[in-house]
Amino acid sequence: RSAGGTGLSGAPASLPAGAGVRRKTGWLSKWVSSCSDDAKTIFAAVTVSLLYKSSLAEPRSIPSRSMFPTFDVGDRILAEKVSYIFREPEILDIVIFRAPPVLQTLGYNLGDVFIKRVVAKGGDIVETVPEGYVFVLGDNRNNNFDSHNWSPLPFKNILGRSVLRY
């Protein structure tokens, strides 16, 4: 044994755990380490944005005057999607929703989205509103296509409620 704290091989006497052991790295860790910080930031932002839009909130633009004077054509809103998991829509809530079945028979697609105000819910009498449905009207009563034309709206078609105009 020689002086200076080295072993017979000339290596330091105390090696850190795992020293000299070569670790295998997967393709993902190699790819991530080779990406620039900007690319990582953009990827993270896009991922968070998609998750946010699909599950928490969704920006929307008002396409018609059916909600005038509350909203005008081109106004933007943010519709949150969480509260109706925990509670039913309330009267006066402004909701966005997919076209109900009766509108699909008139040529609208399930992907078409509408915005209206809830004016009655299950048990209320405007016309009898069945449980699990709401009666929605636009604020512009003279220029509207809503529940008074096509019947109550099923809860399952509601995507969220308007919480912010910007």
Protein backbone atom coordinates (compact mmCIF):
# COMPACT_ATOMS: atom_id res chain seq x y z
CA ARG A 1 0.00 0.00 0.00
CA SER A 2 1.42 3.39 -0.91
CA ALA A 3 1.16 6.69 0.88
CA GLY A 4 -1.37 9.29 -0.15
CA GLY A 5 -4.53 7.30 0.43
CA THR A 6 -4.60 5.22 -2.73
CA GLY A 7 -5.14 1.54 -2.99
CA LEU A 8 -2.98 -0.94 -4.88
CA SER A 9 -4.54 0.02 -8.20
CA GLY A 10 -3.79 3.72 -7.79
CA ALA A 11 -7.50 4.60 -7.42
CA PRO A 12 -8.67 6.68 -4.45
CA ALA A 13 -9.26 4.56 -1.37
CA SER A 14 -12.87 5.65 -0.89
CA LEU A 15 -15.01 5.66 -4.04
CA PRO A 16 -18.50 7.10 -4.06
CA ALA A 17 -21.27 4.52 -4.37
CA GLY A 18 -21.90 3.67 -8.01
CA ALA A 19 -18.65 5.23 -9.25
CA GLY A 20 -17.40 3.65 -12.40
CA VAL A 21 -20.80 2.04 -13.06
CA ARG A 22 -22.19 2.97 -16.44
CA ARG A 23 -25.96 3.57 -16.39
CA LYS A 24 -28.24 2.78 -19.28
CA THR A 25 -30.35 5.70 -20.44
CA GLY A 26 -33.60 5.42 -22.34
CA TRP A 27 -34.51 7.24 -25.54
CA LEU A 28 -36.75 9.68 -23.65
CA SER A 29 -34.05 10.87 -21.28
CA LYS A 30 -31.59 11.18 -24.20
CA TRP A 31 -34.15 13.19 -26.19
CA VAL A 32 -35.00 15.45 -23.24
CA SER A 33 -31.34 16.16 -22.49
CA SER A 34 -30.67 17.02 -26.13
CA CYS A 35 -33.60 19.48 -26.40
CA SER A 36 -33.02 23.13 -25.76
CA ASP A 37 -34.62 24.81 -22.76
CA ASP A 38 -36.86 26.78 -25.15
CA ALA A 39 -38.22 23.58 -26.72
CA LYS A 40 -38.86 22.10 -23.26
CA THR A 41 -40.70 25.27 -22.20
CA ILE A 42 -42.85 25.30 -25.35
CA PHE A 43 -43.68 21.60 -24.95
CA ALA A 44 -44.66 22.11 -21.30
CA ALA A 45 -46.80 25.16 -22.14
CA VAL A 46 -48.65 23.34 -24.93
CA THR A 47 -49.25 20.31 -22.72
CA VAL A 48 -50.58 22.41 -19.83
CA SER A 49 -52.74 24.43 -22.22
CA LEU A 50 -54.32 21.33 -23.75
CA LEU A 51 -54.99 19.78 -20.34
CA TYR A 52 -56.44 23.06 -19.08
CA LYS A 53 -58.74 23.52 -22.08
CA SER A 54 -59.95 19.94 -22.06
CA SER A 55 -60.74 19.73 -18.37
CA LEU A 56 -60.77 23.06 -16.51
CA ALA A 57 -61.80 25.98 -18.69
CA GLU A 58 -62.27 26.98 -22.29
CA PRO A 59 -62.13 30.33 -24.06
CA ARG A 60 -65.04 31.03 -26.42
CA SER A 61 -66.08 33.78 -28.79
CA ILE A 62 -69.71 34.93 -29.12
CA PRO A 63 -70.83 34.27 -32.73
CA SER A 64 -74.30 35.88 -32.78
CA ARG A 65 -76.55 38.45 -31.10
CA SER A 66 -78.64 35.81 -29.31
CA MET A 67 -77.21 36.87 -25.91
CA PHE A 68 -77.39 40.63 -26.56
CA PRO A 69 -77.20 42.88 -24.51
CA THR A 70 -75.20 40.67 -22.11
CA PHE A 71 -72.77 39.66 -24.86
CA ASP A 72 -72.31 41.13 -28.31
CA VAL A 73 -70.91 39.47 -31.44
CA GLY A 74 -67.17 38.98 -31.03
CA ASP A 75 -67.12 39.25 -27.22
CA ARG A 76 -64.91 36.62 -25.62
CA ILE A 77 -65.72 34.60 -22.55
CA LEU A 78 -63.98 32.04 -20.39
CA ALA A 79 -66.19 29.06 -19.57
CA GLU A 80 -65.12 26.96 -16.59
CA LYS A 81 -65.89 23.25 -16.71
CA VAL A 82 -65.50 22.11 -13.11
CA SER A 83 -68.46 23.41 -11.08
CA TYR A 84 -71.09 21.20 -12.75
CA ILE A 85 -69.19 18.13 -11.63
CA PHE A 86 -70.14 19.12 -8.07
CA ARG A 87 -73.50 20.84 -8.56
CA GLU A 88 -76.34 21.27 -11.05
CA PRO A 89 -76.70 24.41 -13.14
CA GLU A 90 -78.54 27.20 -11.34
CA ILE A 91 -81.13 29.59 -12.71
CA LEU A 92 -79.43 32.61 -14.36
CA ASP A 93 -76.20 30.69 -15.04
CA ILE A 94 -74.94 31.31 -18.57
CA VAL A 95 -73.91 27.95 -20.00
CA ILE A 96 -72.14 26.69 -23.10
CA PHE A 97 -73.36 23.37 -24.43
CA ARG A 98 -73.25 20.90 -27.30
CA ALA A 99 -76.22 20.75 -29.66
CA PRO A 100 -78.97 18.63 -28.06
CA PRO A 101 -80.48 15.72 -30.05
CA VAL A 102 -83.43 17.78 -31.33
CA LEU A 103 -81.00 20.23 -32.99
CA GLN A 104 -79.00 17.38 -34.46
CA THR A 105 -82.15 16.28 -36.30
CA LEU A 106 -82.28 19.81 -37.78
CA GLY A 107 -78.77 19.55 -39.22
CA TYR A 108 -76.57 20.75 -36.36
CA ASN A 109 -73.62 18.58 -35.32
CA LEU A 110 -72.87 17.32 -31.81
CA GLY A 111 -69.72 19.45 -31.96
CA ASP A 112 -71.69 22.70 -32.48
CA VAL A 113 -71.55 24.76 -29.29
CA PHE A 114 -74.22 27.21 -28.10
CA ILE A 115 -74.38 29.74 -25.27
CA LYS A 116 -77.63 30.52 -23.40
CA ARG A 117 -78.95 31.48 -19.96
CA VAL A 118 -80.62 28.88 -17.70
CA VAL A 119 -84.15 30.12 -16.89
CA ALA A 120 -85.67 26.95 -15.45
CA LYS A 121 -84.57 23.53 -14.28
CA GLY A 122 -86.12 20.19 -13.34
CA GLY A 123 -89.52 20.64 -11.65
CA ASP A 124 -89.92 24.32 -12.65
CA ILE A 125 -92.93 25.21 -14.75
CA VAL A 126 -92.27 27.19 -17.92
CA GLU A 127 -93.36 24.10 -19.61
CA THR A 128 -92.68 21.15 -17.36
CA VAL A 129 -88.91 20.72 -17.29
CA PRO A 130 -87.94 17.08 -16.74
CA GLU A 131 -85.36 16.15 -14.12
CA GLY A 132 -81.88 16.13 -15.61
CA TYR A 133 -82.72 18.98 -18.01
CA VAL A 134 -82.66 22.79 -17.99
CA PHE A 135 -84.65 25.32 -20.01
CA VAL A 136 -82.31 27.83 -21.64
CA LEU A 137 -83.07 31.14 -23.37
CA GLY A 138 -80.94 33.74 -25.03
CA ASP A 139 -81.12 37.27 -23.63
CA ASN A 140 -82.24 38.69 -26.99
CA ARG A 141 -85.76 37.21 -26.98
CA ASN A 142 -86.67 38.58 -30.44
CA ASN A 143 -83.61 37.11 -32.17
CA ASN A 144 -83.12 33.69 -30.69
CA PHE A 145 -83.15 29.96 -31.27
CA ASP A 146 -83.37 28.30 -27.86
CA SER A 147 -85.43 26.02 -25.60
CA HIS A 148 -88.69 27.73 -26.52
CA ASN A 149 -88.02 26.48 -30.08
CA TRP A 150 -86.50 23.10 -29.40
CA SER A 151 -87.35 21.90 -25.86
CA PRO A 152 -85.32 21.57 -22.62
CA LEU A 153 -81.59 20.88 -22.75
CA PRO A 154 -80.12 17.68 -21.21
CA PHE A 155 -77.48 18.32 -18.48
CA LYS A 156 -75.13 15.96 -20.34
CA ASN A 157 -74.87 18.45 -23.21
CA ILE A 158 -73.60 21.26 -20.97
CA LEU A 159 -69.86 21.84 -21.32
CA GLY A 160 -69.43 24.62 -18.75
CA ARG A 161 -70.57 28.03 -17.57
CA SER A 162 -69.44 31.50 -18.48
CA VAL A 163 -67.42 33.06 -15.68
CA LEU A 164 -65.45 35.85 -17.36
CA ARG A 165 -65.91 38.26 -20.25
CA TYR A 166 -62.76 39.77 -21.70
